Amino acid sequence: MSNFLAVDTSSRYLTVAAQKGDRSVLRHLPDCAMQHSVILMDEIDKALNEISLSPAECDFFAAVTGPGSFTGIRIGIAAVKGFALATGKRLLAITSFDLIAYNVTDENFYAVIDAGRGSYYVCGYAPGADGKRTVALQPCYMSGESVAKLDAPLYGFEDLPLNNYTKTDVKNSLHPVVCANQARLTDEIYALYVRKSQAEENRNAT
């Protein structure tokens, strides 16, 4: 088994998962009031200490790259990039959509994330070859009115005012999703920005 450290700072919650051999640890704060920059390193330290894992022993480092909180995403990516640079290890990008899809058994569905101001980030899934899923709708930014017209069940990890919507468990998704996607290791990861940040939109408007 691979040794790894994974973090999810893409939303109001904070999740840190680590594995060393057959031992693993999960730390999850359901609402850290968007204080990821203050809390993250302490939670990482606690997780690593719990299973006696050092950064040098990790085979790779993973982070959720979005979509979600622009600031939170950058904090998580910067943290794992720092560990990877210091140890010479590789990286793994996990999307927020990956976490949602892990909990869904439907063949056709949409993963939905609140984008604020009545809009949503959406990714559509459908059956693919060899029993694997394929992305039927690439990650996009949609109005609430457009989401309401989608013709398949909706899933996410927040309380959303949508019909045909089911809230899934984000807490226990990070570790298994990282384990299932180790073939996607790379030397660089980037934030998944489905739309421009509010600061960029405001700058362009002026």
N, C-alpha and C. Protein backbone atom coordinates (compact mmCIF):
# COMPACT_ATOMS: atom_id res chain seq x y z
N MET A 1 0.83 -1.20 0.00
CA MET A 1 0.00 0.00 0.00
C MET A 1 0.87 1.25 0.00
N SER A 2 0.38 2.29 -0.66
CA SER A 2 1.11 3.55 -0.71
C SER A 2 0.92 4.35 0.56
N ASN A 3 1.94 5.12 0.89
CA ASN A 3 1.82 6.09 1.97
C ASN A 3 1.48 7.44 1.36
N PHE A 4 0.51 8.14 1.95
CA PHE A 4 0.17 9.44 1.37
C PHE A 4 -0.46 10.36 2.40
N LEU A 5 -0.49 11.63 2.03
CA LEU A 5 -1.20 12.67 2.77
C LEU A 5 -2.12 13.37 1.79
N ALA A 6 -3.39 13.56 2.16
CA ALA A 6 -4.36 14.22 1.29
C ALA A 6 -5.13 15.26 2.07
N VAL A 7 -5.44 16.40 1.43
CA VAL A 7 -6.17 17.46 2.11
C VAL A 7 -7.31 17.96 1.22
N ASP A 8 -8.39 18.38 1.87
CA ASP A 8 -9.52 18.99 1.17
C ASP A 8 -9.88 20.28 1.90
N THR A 9 -9.58 21.40 1.26
CA THR A 9 -9.87 22.72 1.82
C THR A 9 -10.79 23.50 0.88
N SER A 10 -11.58 22.78 0.09
CA SER A 10 -12.34 23.42 -0.98
C SER A 10 -13.67 24.03 -0.53
N SER A 11 -14.07 23.77 0.72
CA SER A 11 -15.36 24.28 1.18
C SER A 11 -15.24 24.74 2.63
N ARG A 12 -16.38 24.90 3.31
CA ARG A 12 -16.35 25.36 4.69
C ARG A 12 -15.76 24.31 5.63
N TYR A 13 -15.82 23.06 5.23
CA TYR A 13 -15.24 22.00 6.04
C TYR A 13 -13.74 21.87 5.76
N LEU A 14 -13.08 21.05 6.53
CA LEU A 14 -11.67 20.74 6.31
C LEU A 14 -11.48 19.25 6.55
N THR A 15 -10.87 18.56 5.60
CA THR A 15 -10.60 17.13 5.74
C THR A 15 -9.13 16.85 5.47
N VAL A 16 -8.52 16.06 6.35
CA VAL A 16 -7.14 15.60 6.16
C VAL A 16 -7.16 14.09 6.28
N ALA A 17 -6.62 13.40 5.29
CA ALA A 17 -6.53 11.95 5.31
C ALA A 17 -5.08 11.54 5.09
N ALA A 18 -4.64 10.53 5.82
CA ALA A 18 -3.27 10.05 5.66
C ALA A 18 -3.26 8.53 5.79
N GLN A 19 -2.30 7.92 5.11
CA GLN A 19 -2.17 6.46 5.16
C GLN A 19 -0.71 6.07 5.24
N LYS A 20 -0.43 5.08 6.08
CA LYS A 20 0.91 4.48 6.19
C LYS A 20 0.74 2.98 6.26
N GLY A 21 1.06 2.30 5.19
CA GLY A 21 0.85 0.86 5.15
C GLY A 21 -0.61 0.53 5.30
N ASP A 22 -0.95 -0.30 6.27
CA ASP A 22 -2.35 -0.66 6.49
C ASP A 22 -3.01 0.21 7.55
N ARG A 23 -2.35 1.28 7.96
CA ARG A 23 -2.92 2.21 8.93
C ARG A 23 -3.35 3.50 8.24
N SER A 24 -4.48 4.03 8.65
CA SER A 24 -4.95 5.28 8.06
C SER A 24 -5.61 6.14 9.13
N VAL A 25 -5.72 7.42 8.85
CA VAL A 25 -6.34 8.35 9.78
C VAL A 25 -7.14 9.36 8.98
N LEU A 26 -8.25 9.79 9.54
CA LEU A 26 -9.09 10.80 8.90
C LEU A 26 -9.43 11.86 9.94
N ARG A 27 -9.17 13.11 9.62
CA ARG A 27 -9.54 14.22 10.48
C ARG A 27 -10.48 15.12 9.68
N HIS A 28 -11.65 15.40 10.24
CA HIS A 28 -12.66 16.17 9.51
C HIS A 28 -13.29 17.19 10.44
N LEU A 29 -13.23 18.45 10.04
CA LEU A 29 -13.90 19.53 10.76
C LEU A 29 -15.05 19.99 9.87
N PRO A 30 -16.30 19.80 10.29
CA PRO A 30 -17.45 20.10 9.43
C PRO A 30 -17.61 21.57 9.09
N ASP A 31 -17.11 22.46 9.95
CA ASP A 31 -17.20 23.89 9.66
C ASP A 31 -16.06 24.59 10.39
N CYS A 32 -15.05 24.96 9.64
CA CYS A 32 -13.92 25.66 10.26
C CYS A 32 -13.96 27.15 9.97
N ALA A 33 -15.16 27.63 9.59
CA ALA A 33 -15.38 29.08 9.41
C ALA A 33 -14.37 29.70 8.45
N MET A 34 -14.00 28.92 7.43
CA MET A 34 -13.08 29.39 6.39
C MET A 34 -11.74 29.85 6.96
N GLN A 35 -11.29 29.17 8.02
CA GLN A 35 -9.99 29.47 8.62
C GLN A 35 -8.95 28.41 8.25
N HIS A 36 -9.01 27.94 7.03
CA HIS A 36 -8.11 26.87 6.60
C HIS A 36 -6.64 27.23 6.77
N SER A 37 -6.29 28.47 6.48
CA SER A 37 -4.89 28.87 6.56
C SER A 37 -4.37 28.80 7.99
N VAL A 38 -5.26 28.95 8.96
CA VAL A 38 -4.87 28.92 10.37
C VAL A 38 -4.83 27.49 10.91
N ILE A 39 -5.75 26.66 10.46
CA ILE A 39 -5.97 25.34 11.04
C ILE A 39 -5.26 24.21 10.31
N LEU A 40 -5.06 24.36 9.00
CA LEU A 40 -4.63 23.22 8.18
C LEU A 40 -3.36 22.55 8.67
N MET A 41 -2.30 23.30 8.92
CA MET A 41 -1.02 22.67 9.26
C MET A 41 -1.09 21.93 10.59
N ASP A 42 -1.86 22.45 11.55
CA ASP A 42 -2.03 21.74 12.82
C ASP A 42 -2.75 20.41 12.60
N GLU A 43 -3.78 20.42 11.74
CA GLU A 43 -4.52 19.18 11.47
C GLU A 43 -3.64 18.17 10.72
N ILE A 44 -2.82 18.65 9.82
CA ILE A 44 -1.88 17.76 9.13
C ILE A 44 -0.92 17.14 10.13
N ASP A 45 -0.39 17.96 11.00
CA ASP A 45 0.57 17.48 12.00
C ASP A 45 -0.06 16.42 12.90
N LYS A 46 -1.30 16.65 13.32
CA LYS A 46 -2.00 15.67 14.17
C LYS A 46 -2.22 14.36 13.42
N ALA A 47 -2.62 14.45 12.15
CA ALA A 47 -2.87 13.24 11.37
C ALA A 47 -1.59 12.43 11.17
N LEU A 48 -0.51 13.10 10.81
CA LEU A 48 0.76 12.40 10.59
C LEU A 48 1.26 11.76 11.88
N ASN A 49 1.16 12.48 12.97
CA ASN A 49 1.63 11.94 14.25
C ASN A 49 0.81 10.72 14.69
N GLU A 50 -0.48 10.73 14.39
CA GLU A 50 -1.35 9.64 14.83
C GLU A 50 -0.94 8.30 14.25
N ILE A 51 -0.39 8.30 13.03
CA ILE A 51 0.03 7.04 12.42
C ILE A 51 1.55 6.98 12.22
N SER A 52 2.25 7.89 12.90
CA SER A 52 3.73 7.92 12.85
C SER A 52 4.25 7.98 11.42
N LEU A 53 3.68 8.88 10.67
CA LEU A 53 4.06 9.07 9.26
C LEU A 53 4.77 10.42 9.10
N SER A 54 5.90 10.42 8.46
CA SER A 54 6.61 11.67 8.17
C SER A 54 6.40 12.03 6.71
N PRO A 55 6.49 13.32 6.35
CA PRO A 55 6.36 13.71 4.94
C PRO A 55 7.33 12.95 4.03
N ALA A 56 8.54 12.70 4.52
CA ALA A 56 9.54 12.00 3.71
C ALA A 56 9.11 10.58 3.38
N GLU A 57 8.27 9.98 4.23
CA GLU A 57 7.81 8.61 4.00
C GLU A 57 6.64 8.54 3.03
N CYS A 58 6.02 9.67 2.72
CA CYS A 58 4.88 9.68 1.80
C CYS A 58 5.34 9.39 0.38
N ASP A 59 4.57 8.59 -0.33
CA ASP A 59 4.86 8.32 -1.74
C ASP A 59 4.32 9.43 -2.63
N PHE A 60 3.26 10.12 -2.17
CA PHE A 60 2.71 11.24 -2.91
C PHE A 60 1.83 12.07 -1.98
N PHE A 61 1.44 13.24 -2.48
CA PHE A 61 0.57 14.16 -1.74
C PHE A 61 -0.61 14.55 -2.62
N ALA A 62 -1.79 14.60 -2.03
CA ALA A 62 -3.00 14.88 -2.82
C ALA A 62 -3.75 16.07 -2.24
N ALA A 63 -4.44 16.79 -3.12
CA ALA A 63 -5.28 17.90 -2.70
C ALA A 63 -6.51 17.96 -3.59
N VAL A 64 -7.63 18.41 -3.00
CA VAL A 64 -8.83 18.67 -3.78
C VAL A 64 -8.65 20.01 -4.47
N THR A 65 -8.78 20.01 -5.79
CA THR A 65 -8.44 21.19 -6.58
C THR A 65 -9.65 22.03 -6.98
N GLY A 66 -10.84 21.65 -6.48
CA GLY A 66 -12.03 22.43 -6.77
C GLY A 66 -12.98 21.68 -7.69
N PRO A 67 -14.06 22.39 -8.05
CA PRO A 67 -14.36 23.78 -7.72
C PRO A 67 -14.83 23.94 -6.28
N GLY A 68 -14.85 25.19 -5.84
CA GLY A 68 -15.25 25.51 -4.48
C GLY A 68 -14.72 26.88 -4.10
N SER A 69 -14.30 27.01 -2.86
CA SER A 69 -13.76 28.28 -2.36
C SER A 69 -12.43 28.58 -3.03
N PHE A 70 -12.35 29.71 -3.73
CA PHE A 70 -11.11 30.06 -4.44
C PHE A 70 -9.93 30.11 -3.47
N THR A 71 -10.10 30.76 -2.33
CA THR A 71 -9.02 30.89 -1.36
C THR A 71 -8.68 29.55 -0.74
N GLY A 72 -9.70 28.80 -0.33
CA GLY A 72 -9.46 27.50 0.28
C GLY A 72 -8.71 26.55 -0.64
N ILE A 73 -9.10 26.51 -1.90
CA ILE A 73 -8.44 25.64 -2.87
C ILE A 73 -6.95 25.97 -2.97
N ARG A 74 -6.63 27.25 -3.05
CA ARG A 74 -5.23 27.66 -3.18
C ARG A 74 -4.41 27.27 -1.95
N ILE A 75 -5.04 27.35 -0.77
CA ILE A 75 -4.34 26.98 0.47
C ILE A 75 -3.97 25.50 0.46
N GLY A 76 -4.92 24.64 0.10
CA GLY A 76 -4.65 23.21 0.07
C GLY A 76 -3.60 22.83 -0.95
N ILE A 77 -3.71 23.40 -2.15
CA ILE A 77 -2.74 23.10 -3.21
C ILE A 77 -1.36 23.56 -2.82
N ALA A 78 -1.25 24.77 -2.25
CA ALA A 78 0.05 25.30 -1.84
C ALA A 78 0.70 24.40 -0.79
N ALA A 79 -0.12 23.88 0.13
CA ALA A 79 0.42 23.03 1.19
C ALA A 79 1.03 21.76 0.62
N VAL A 80 0.29 21.05 -0.24
CA VAL A 80 0.82 19.78 -0.74
C VAL A 80 1.96 20.02 -1.74
N LYS A 81 1.92 21.12 -2.47
CA LYS A 81 3.04 21.44 -3.36
C LYS A 81 4.32 21.67 -2.54
N GLY A 82 4.17 22.31 -1.39
CA GLY A 82 5.32 22.52 -0.53
C GLY A 82 5.92 21.22 -0.06
N PHE A 83 5.06 20.28 0.37
CA PHE A 83 5.55 18.97 0.80
C PHE A 83 6.21 18.23 -0.37
N ALA A 84 5.60 18.29 -1.55
CA ALA A 84 6.15 17.58 -2.71
C ALA A 84 7.50 18.16 -3.12
N LEU A 85 7.62 19.48 -3.08
CA LEU A 85 8.88 20.12 -3.44
C LEU A 85 9.98 19.75 -2.46
N ALA A 86 9.64 19.71 -1.18
CA ALA A 86 10.64 19.41 -0.14
C ALA A 86 11.10 17.96 -0.18
N THR A 87 10.21 17.06 -0.60
CA THR A 87 10.52 15.62 -0.56
C THR A 87 10.81 15.01 -1.92
N GLY A 88 10.54 15.74 -3.00
CA GLY A 88 10.74 15.21 -4.33
C GLY A 88 9.70 14.18 -4.73
N LYS A 89 8.53 14.23 -4.10
CA LYS A 89 7.47 13.26 -4.40
C LYS A 89 6.44 13.84 -5.37
N ARG A 90 5.55 12.99 -5.86
CA ARG A 90 4.58 13.39 -6.87
C ARG A 90 3.27 13.86 -6.23
N LEU A 91 2.37 14.32 -7.09
CA LEU A 91 1.12 14.93 -6.64
C LEU A 91 -0.09 14.25 -7.27
N LEU A 92 -1.23 14.41 -6.62
CA LEU A 92 -2.49 13.88 -7.15
C LEU A 92 -3.57 14.93 -6.97
N ALA A 93 -4.24 15.26 -8.07
CA ALA A 93 -5.35 16.21 -8.03
C ALA A 93 -6.66 15.45 -7.95
N ILE A 94 -7.47 15.78 -6.96
CA ILE A 94 -8.80 15.21 -6.79
C ILE A 94 -9.80 16.35 -6.91
N THR A 95 -10.84 16.21 -7.72
CA THR A 95 -11.81 17.28 -7.84
C THR A 95 -12.94 17.09 -6.83
N SER A 96 -13.64 18.17 -6.54
CA SER A 96 -14.81 18.08 -5.67
C SER A 96 -15.86 17.17 -6.29
N PHE A 97 -15.93 17.15 -7.63
CA PHE A 97 -16.86 16.26 -8.31
C PHE A 97 -16.51 14.79 -8.08
N ASP A 98 -15.20 14.48 -8.03
CA ASP A 98 -14.77 13.11 -7.75
C ASP A 98 -15.32 12.63 -6.41
N LEU A 99 -15.28 13.50 -5.41
CA LEU A 99 -15.75 13.14 -4.07
C LEU A 99 -17.25 12.86 -4.06
N ILE A 100 -18.00 13.69 -4.77
CA ILE A 100 -19.44 13.49 -4.85
C ILE A 100 -19.76 12.19 -5.58
N ALA A 101 -19.13 11.97 -6.72
CA ALA A 101 -19.43 10.81 -7.55
C ALA A 101 -19.14 9.50 -6.83
N TYR A 102 -18.18 9.50 -5.93
CA TYR A 102 -17.84 8.28 -5.20
C TYR A 102 -19.04 7.71 -4.45
N ASN A 103 -19.91 8.59 -3.97
CA ASN A 103 -21.04 8.18 -3.14
C ASN A 103 -22.29 7.81 -3.94
N VAL A 104 -22.24 7.91 -5.26
CA VAL A 104 -23.44 7.74 -6.08
C VAL A 104 -23.39 6.41 -6.83
N THR A 105 -24.52 5.71 -6.84
CA THR A 105 -24.60 4.44 -7.57
C THR A 105 -25.39 4.58 -8.87
N ASP A 106 -26.10 5.70 -9.08
CA ASP A 106 -26.85 5.91 -10.32
C ASP A 106 -25.91 5.88 -11.53
N GLU A 107 -26.42 5.44 -12.65
CA GLU A 107 -25.61 5.44 -13.87
C GLU A 107 -25.54 6.83 -14.49
N ASN A 108 -26.64 7.55 -14.47
CA ASN A 108 -26.68 8.90 -15.03
C ASN A 108 -27.05 9.88 -13.93
N PHE A 109 -26.22 10.89 -13.71
CA PHE A 109 -26.48 11.86 -12.66
C PHE A 109 -25.60 13.09 -12.86
N TYR A 110 -25.90 14.12 -12.08
CA TYR A 110 -25.10 15.34 -12.09
C TYR A 110 -24.57 15.61 -10.69
N ALA A 111 -23.30 15.94 -10.60
CA ALA A 111 -22.71 16.41 -9.34
C ALA A 111 -22.83 17.92 -9.32
N VAL A 112 -23.35 18.46 -8.22
CA VAL A 112 -23.67 19.88 -8.14
C VAL A 112 -23.02 20.51 -6.90
N ILE A 113 -22.42 21.67 -7.09
CA ILE A 113 -21.76 22.39 -6.00
C ILE A 113 -22.23 23.84 -6.02
N ASP A 114 -22.56 24.38 -4.87
CA ASP A 114 -23.02 25.76 -4.76
C ASP A 114 -21.92 26.72 -5.20
N ALA A 115 -22.24 27.59 -6.15
CA ALA A 115 -21.29 28.59 -6.62
C ALA A 115 -21.65 29.99 -6.13
N GLY A 116 -22.72 30.09 -5.31
CA GLY A 116 -23.12 31.38 -4.78
C GLY A 116 -24.02 32.14 -5.74
N ARG A 117 -24.79 33.07 -5.19
CA ARG A 117 -25.66 33.94 -5.98
C ARG A 117 -26.62 33.16 -6.88
N GLY A 118 -27.11 32.02 -6.37
CA GLY A 118 -28.10 31.25 -7.10
C GLY A 118 -27.58 30.44 -8.26
N SER A 119 -26.27 30.30 -8.36
CA SER A 119 -25.67 29.53 -9.46
C SER A 119 -24.91 28.32 -8.91
N TYR A 120 -24.53 27.42 -9.83
CA TYR A 120 -23.92 26.16 -9.40
C TYR A 120 -22.81 25.73 -10.36
N TYR A 121 -21.86 24.97 -9.80
CA TYR A 121 -20.89 24.24 -10.61
C TYR A 121 -21.48 22.85 -10.84
N VAL A 122 -21.44 22.38 -12.08
CA VAL A 122 -22.10 21.12 -12.42
C VAL A 122 -21.19 20.25 -13.27
N CYS A 123 -21.23 18.94 -13.02
CA CYS A 123 -20.52 17.98 -13.85
C CYS A 123 -21.45 16.79 -14.04
N GLY A 124 -21.63 16.32 -15.29
CA GLY A 124 -22.54 15.22 -15.57
C GLY A 124 -21.82 13.91 -15.81
N TYR A 125 -22.40 12.82 -15.32
CA TYR A 125 -21.79 11.50 -15.46
C TYR A 125 -22.74 10.54 -16.17
N ALA A 126 -22.15 9.58 -16.90
CA ALA A 126 -22.91 8.56 -17.60
C ALA A 126 -22.08 7.28 -17.65
N PRO A 127 -22.71 6.12 -17.95
CA PRO A 127 -21.94 4.87 -18.03
C PRO A 127 -20.91 4.94 -19.15
N GLY A 128 -19.73 4.37 -18.87
CA GLY A 128 -18.66 4.35 -19.86
C GLY A 128 -18.25 2.92 -20.17
N ALA A 129 -17.12 2.77 -20.83
CA ALA A 129 -16.62 1.45 -21.21
C ALA A 129 -16.11 0.69 -19.98
N ASP A 130 -16.18 -0.64 -20.03
CA ASP A 130 -15.65 -1.51 -18.99
C ASP A 130 -16.26 -1.22 -17.62
N GLY A 131 -17.50 -0.77 -17.61
CA GLY A 131 -18.17 -0.51 -16.35
C GLY A 131 -17.75 0.75 -15.65
N LYS A 132 -16.88 1.53 -16.27
CA LYS A 132 -16.42 2.77 -15.66
C LYS A 132 -17.29 3.94 -16.10
N ARG A 133 -17.35 4.95 -15.27
CA ARG A 133 -18.12 6.14 -15.61
C ARG A 133 -17.36 7.02 -16.58
N THR A 134 -18.12 7.78 -17.34
CA THR A 134 -17.53 8.79 -18.21
C THR A 134 -18.19 10.13 -17.90
N VAL A 135 -17.46 11.19 -18.15
CA VAL A 135 -18.01 12.53 -17.93
C VAL A 135 -18.84 12.91 -19.14
N ALA A 136 -20.15 13.01 -18.94
CA ALA A 136 -21.06 13.33 -20.04
C ALA A 136 -21.23 14.83 -20.22
N LEU A 137 -21.03 15.58 -19.15
CA LEU A 137 -21.08 17.04 -19.19
C LEU A 137 -19.86 17.56 -18.47
N GLN A 138 -18.96 18.22 -19.20
CA GLN A 138 -17.75 18.75 -18.59
C GLN A 138 -18.10 19.79 -17.53
N PRO A 139 -17.25 19.93 -16.49
CA PRO A 139 -17.52 20.91 -15.44
C PRO A 139 -17.87 22.28 -16.01
N CYS A 140 -18.97 22.84 -15.53
CA CYS A 140 -19.44 24.12 -16.05
C CYS A 140 -20.14 24.92 -14.96
N TYR A 141 -20.43 26.15 -15.27
CA TYR A 141 -21.08 27.09 -14.35
C TYR A 141 -22.49 27.33 -14.88
N MET A 142 -23.50 27.02 -14.06
CA MET A 142 -24.88 27.09 -14.53
C MET A 142 -25.75 27.88 -13.56
N SER A 143 -26.76 28.53 -14.11
CA SER A 143 -27.74 29.22 -13.29
C SER A 143 -28.65 28.21 -12.61
N GLY A 144 -29.31 28.63 -11.54
CA GLY A 144 -30.25 27.76 -10.86
C GLY A 144 -31.37 27.32 -11.79
N GLU A 145 -31.81 28.21 -12.67
CA GLU A 145 -32.87 27.88 -13.62
C GLU A 145 -32.43 26.76 -14.57
N SER A 146 -31.18 26.81 -15.00
CA SER A 146 -30.68 25.78 -15.91
C SER A 146 -30.52 24.44 -15.19
N VAL A 147 -30.06 24.49 -13.95
CA VAL A 147 -29.90 23.26 -13.18
C VAL A 147 -31.25 22.58 -12.97
N ALA A 148 -32.30 23.38 -12.76
CA ALA A 148 -33.64 22.84 -12.53
C ALA A 148 -34.16 22.07 -13.74
N LYS A 149 -33.60 22.33 -14.91
CA LYS A 149 -34.05 21.66 -16.14
C LYS A 149 -33.28 20.38 -16.45
N LEU A 150 -32.25 20.06 -15.67
CA LEU A 150 -31.46 18.86 -15.93
C LEU A 150 -32.31 17.62 -15.73
N ASP A 151 -32.08 16.62 -16.59
CA ASP A 151 -32.97 15.46 -16.67
C ASP A 151 -32.46 14.22 -15.97
N ALA A 152 -31.63 14.39 -14.94
CA ALA A 152 -31.14 13.25 -14.16
C ALA A 152 -30.98 13.68 -12.71
N PRO A 153 -30.87 12.72 -11.80
CA PRO A 153 -30.73 13.08 -10.38
C PRO A 153 -29.52 13.97 -10.12
N LEU A 154 -29.63 14.80 -9.09
CA LEU A 154 -28.57 15.72 -8.68
C LEU A 154 -28.00 15.26 -7.34
N TYR A 155 -26.68 15.35 -7.20
CA TYR A 155 -26.03 14.97 -5.95
C TYR A 155 -24.99 16.02 -5.57
N GLY A 156 -24.80 16.18 -4.27
CA GLY A 156 -23.78 17.10 -3.77
C GLY A 156 -23.54 16.85 -2.30
N PHE A 157 -22.70 17.67 -1.66
CA PHE A 157 -22.40 17.48 -0.25
C PHE A 157 -22.82 18.66 0.61
N GLU A 158 -23.70 19.52 0.05
CA GLU A 158 -24.20 20.67 0.78
C GLU A 158 -25.73 20.59 0.86
N ASP A 159 -26.32 21.41 1.71
CA ASP A 159 -27.77 21.55 1.74
C ASP A 159 -28.16 22.54 0.64
N LEU A 160 -28.75 22.04 -0.44
CA LEU A 160 -29.07 22.88 -1.59
C LEU A 160 -30.57 22.85 -1.87
N PRO A 161 -31.15 24.00 -2.24
CA PRO A 161 -32.60 24.09 -2.49
C PRO A 161 -32.96 23.64 -3.89
N LEU A 162 -32.69 22.38 -4.20
CA LEU A 162 -32.92 21.87 -5.55
C LEU A 162 -33.84 20.65 -5.50
N ASN A 163 -34.69 20.53 -6.50
CA ASN A 163 -35.53 19.34 -6.63
C ASN A 163 -34.69 18.18 -7.16
N ASN A 164 -35.11 16.96 -6.84
CA ASN A 164 -34.42 15.76 -7.30
C ASN A 164 -32.96 15.75 -6.86
N TYR A 165 -32.71 16.30 -5.67
CA TYR A 165 -31.34 16.45 -5.16
C TYR A 165 -31.14 15.61 -3.91
N THR A 166 -29.96 14.97 -3.80
CA THR A 166 -29.61 14.17 -2.64
C THR A 166 -28.26 14.63 -2.10
N LYS A 167 -28.22 14.87 -0.80
CA LYS A 167 -26.97 15.25 -0.15
C LYS A 167 -26.18 13.99 0.20
N THR A 168 -24.90 13.97 -0.14
CA THR A 168 -24.05 12.80 0.12
C THR A 168 -23.05 13.11 1.25
N ASP A 169 -22.31 12.10 1.65
CA ASP A 169 -21.36 12.21 2.76
C ASP A 169 -19.98 12.55 2.23
N VAL A 170 -19.53 13.77 2.45
CA VAL A 170 -18.21 14.16 1.98
C VAL A 170 -17.12 13.71 2.94
N LYS A 171 -17.45 13.55 4.21
CA LYS A 171 -16.44 13.25 5.24
C LYS A 171 -15.61 12.03 4.90
N ASN A 172 -16.27 10.95 4.49
CA ASN A 172 -15.57 9.68 4.29
C ASN A 172 -15.20 9.40 2.84
N SER A 173 -15.22 10.41 1.99
CA SER A 173 -14.94 10.20 0.57
C SER A 173 -13.48 10.38 0.20
N LEU A 174 -12.77 11.28 0.89
CA LEU A 174 -11.43 11.65 0.45
C LEU A 174 -10.47 10.46 0.40
N HIS A 175 -10.40 9.70 1.47
CA HIS A 175 -9.43 8.59 1.52
C HIS A 175 -9.67 7.56 0.42
N PRO A 176 -10.88 7.02 0.26
CA PRO A 176 -11.07 6.02 -0.79
C PRO A 176 -10.90 6.57 -2.20
N VAL A 177 -11.27 7.82 -2.43
CA VAL A 177 -11.10 8.39 -3.76
C VAL A 177 -9.62 8.54 -4.09
N VAL A 178 -8.82 8.96 -3.13
CA VAL A 178 -7.37 9.05 -3.35
C VAL A 178 -6.81 7.66 -3.65
N CYS A 179 -7.21 6.67 -2.86
CA CYS A 179 -6.71 5.30 -3.09
C CYS A 179 -7.06 4.79 -4.49
N ALA A 180 -8.24 5.15 -4.99
CA ALA A 180 -8.72 4.64 -6.27
C ALA A 180 -8.11 5.36 -7.47
N ASN A 181 -7.43 6.47 -7.24
CA ASN A 181 -6.95 7.27 -8.37
C ASN A 181 -5.45 7.48 -8.39
N GLN A 182 -4.72 6.58 -7.79
CA GLN A 182 -3.26 6.74 -7.73
C GLN A 182 -2.59 6.64 -9.09
N ALA A 183 -3.30 6.10 -10.08
CA ALA A 183 -2.73 6.04 -11.43
C ALA A 183 -2.63 7.42 -12.06
N ARG A 184 -3.27 8.41 -11.45
CA ARG A 184 -3.27 9.76 -12.01
C ARG A 184 -2.20 10.66 -11.42
N LEU A 185 -1.18 10.08 -10.79
CA LEU A 185 -0.12 10.89 -10.20
C LEU A 185 0.57 11.74 -11.26
N THR A 186 0.96 12.94 -10.86
CA THR A 186 1.58 13.87 -11.80
C THR A 186 2.63 14.71 -11.07
N ASP A 187 3.34 15.53 -11.82
CA ASP A 187 4.37 16.37 -11.21
C ASP A 187 3.85 17.75 -10.87
N GLU A 188 2.64 18.08 -11.31
CA GLU A 188 2.08 19.41 -11.05
C GLU A 188 0.57 19.31 -10.98
N ILE A 189 -0.04 20.11 -10.12
CA ILE A 189 -1.50 20.18 -10.06
C ILE A 189 -1.91 21.64 -10.05
N TYR A 190 -3.11 21.90 -10.54
CA TYR A 190 -3.63 23.25 -10.66
C TYR A 190 -5.06 23.31 -10.15
N ALA A 191 -5.46 24.48 -9.73
CA ALA A 191 -6.84 24.68 -9.28
C ALA A 191 -7.80 24.51 -10.44
N LEU A 192 -8.94 23.89 -10.17
CA LEU A 192 -9.99 23.74 -11.18
C LEU A 192 -10.94 24.94 -11.04
N TYR A 193 -10.70 25.96 -11.83
CA TYR A 193 -11.54 27.15 -11.80
C TYR A 193 -12.54 27.06 -12.95
N VAL A 194 -13.80 26.79 -12.61
CA VAL A 194 -14.84 26.68 -13.63
C VAL A 194 -15.29 28.06 -14.09
N ARG A 195 -15.12 29.05 -13.24
CA ARG A 195 -15.41 30.44 -13.60
C ARG A 195 -14.37 31.33 -12.95
N LYS A 196 -14.36 32.59 -13.32
CA LYS A 196 -13.44 33.55 -12.73
C LYS A 196 -13.85 33.83 -11.29
N SER A 197 -12.87 34.22 -10.48
CA SER A 197 -13.18 34.59 -9.11
C SER A 197 -13.99 35.88 -9.10
N GLN A 198 -14.66 36.16 -7.97
CA GLN A 198 -15.46 37.37 -7.86
C GLN A 198 -14.60 38.61 -8.02
N ALA A 199 -13.37 38.57 -7.51
CA ALA A 199 -12.46 39.71 -7.64
C ALA A 199 -12.15 39.98 -9.11
N GLU A 200 -11.91 38.91 -9.88
CA GLU A 200 -11.63 39.08 -11.31
C GLU A 200 -12.86 39.63 -12.04
N GLU A 201 -14.05 39.09 -11.69
CA GLU A 201 -15.27 39.55 -12.33
C GLU A 201 -15.53 41.03 -12.03
N ASN A 202 -15.29 41.42 -10.78
CA ASN A 202 -15.49 42.81 -10.42
C ASN A 202 -14.48 43.73 -11.11
N ARG A 203 -13.24 43.26 -11.27
CA ARG A 203 -12.22 44.05 -11.94
C ARG A 203 -12.58 44.25 -13.42
N ASN A 204 -13.04 43.18 -14.06
CA ASN A 204 -13.41 43.28 -15.46
C ASN A 204 -14.62 44.19 -15.68
N ALA A 205 -15.52 44.19 -14.66
CA ALA A 205 -16.72 45.01 -14.78
C ALA A 205 -16.42 46.50 -14.71
N THR A 206 -15.29 46.83 -14.08
CA THR A 206 -14.92 48.25 -13.96
C THR A 206 -13.96 48.66 -15.06
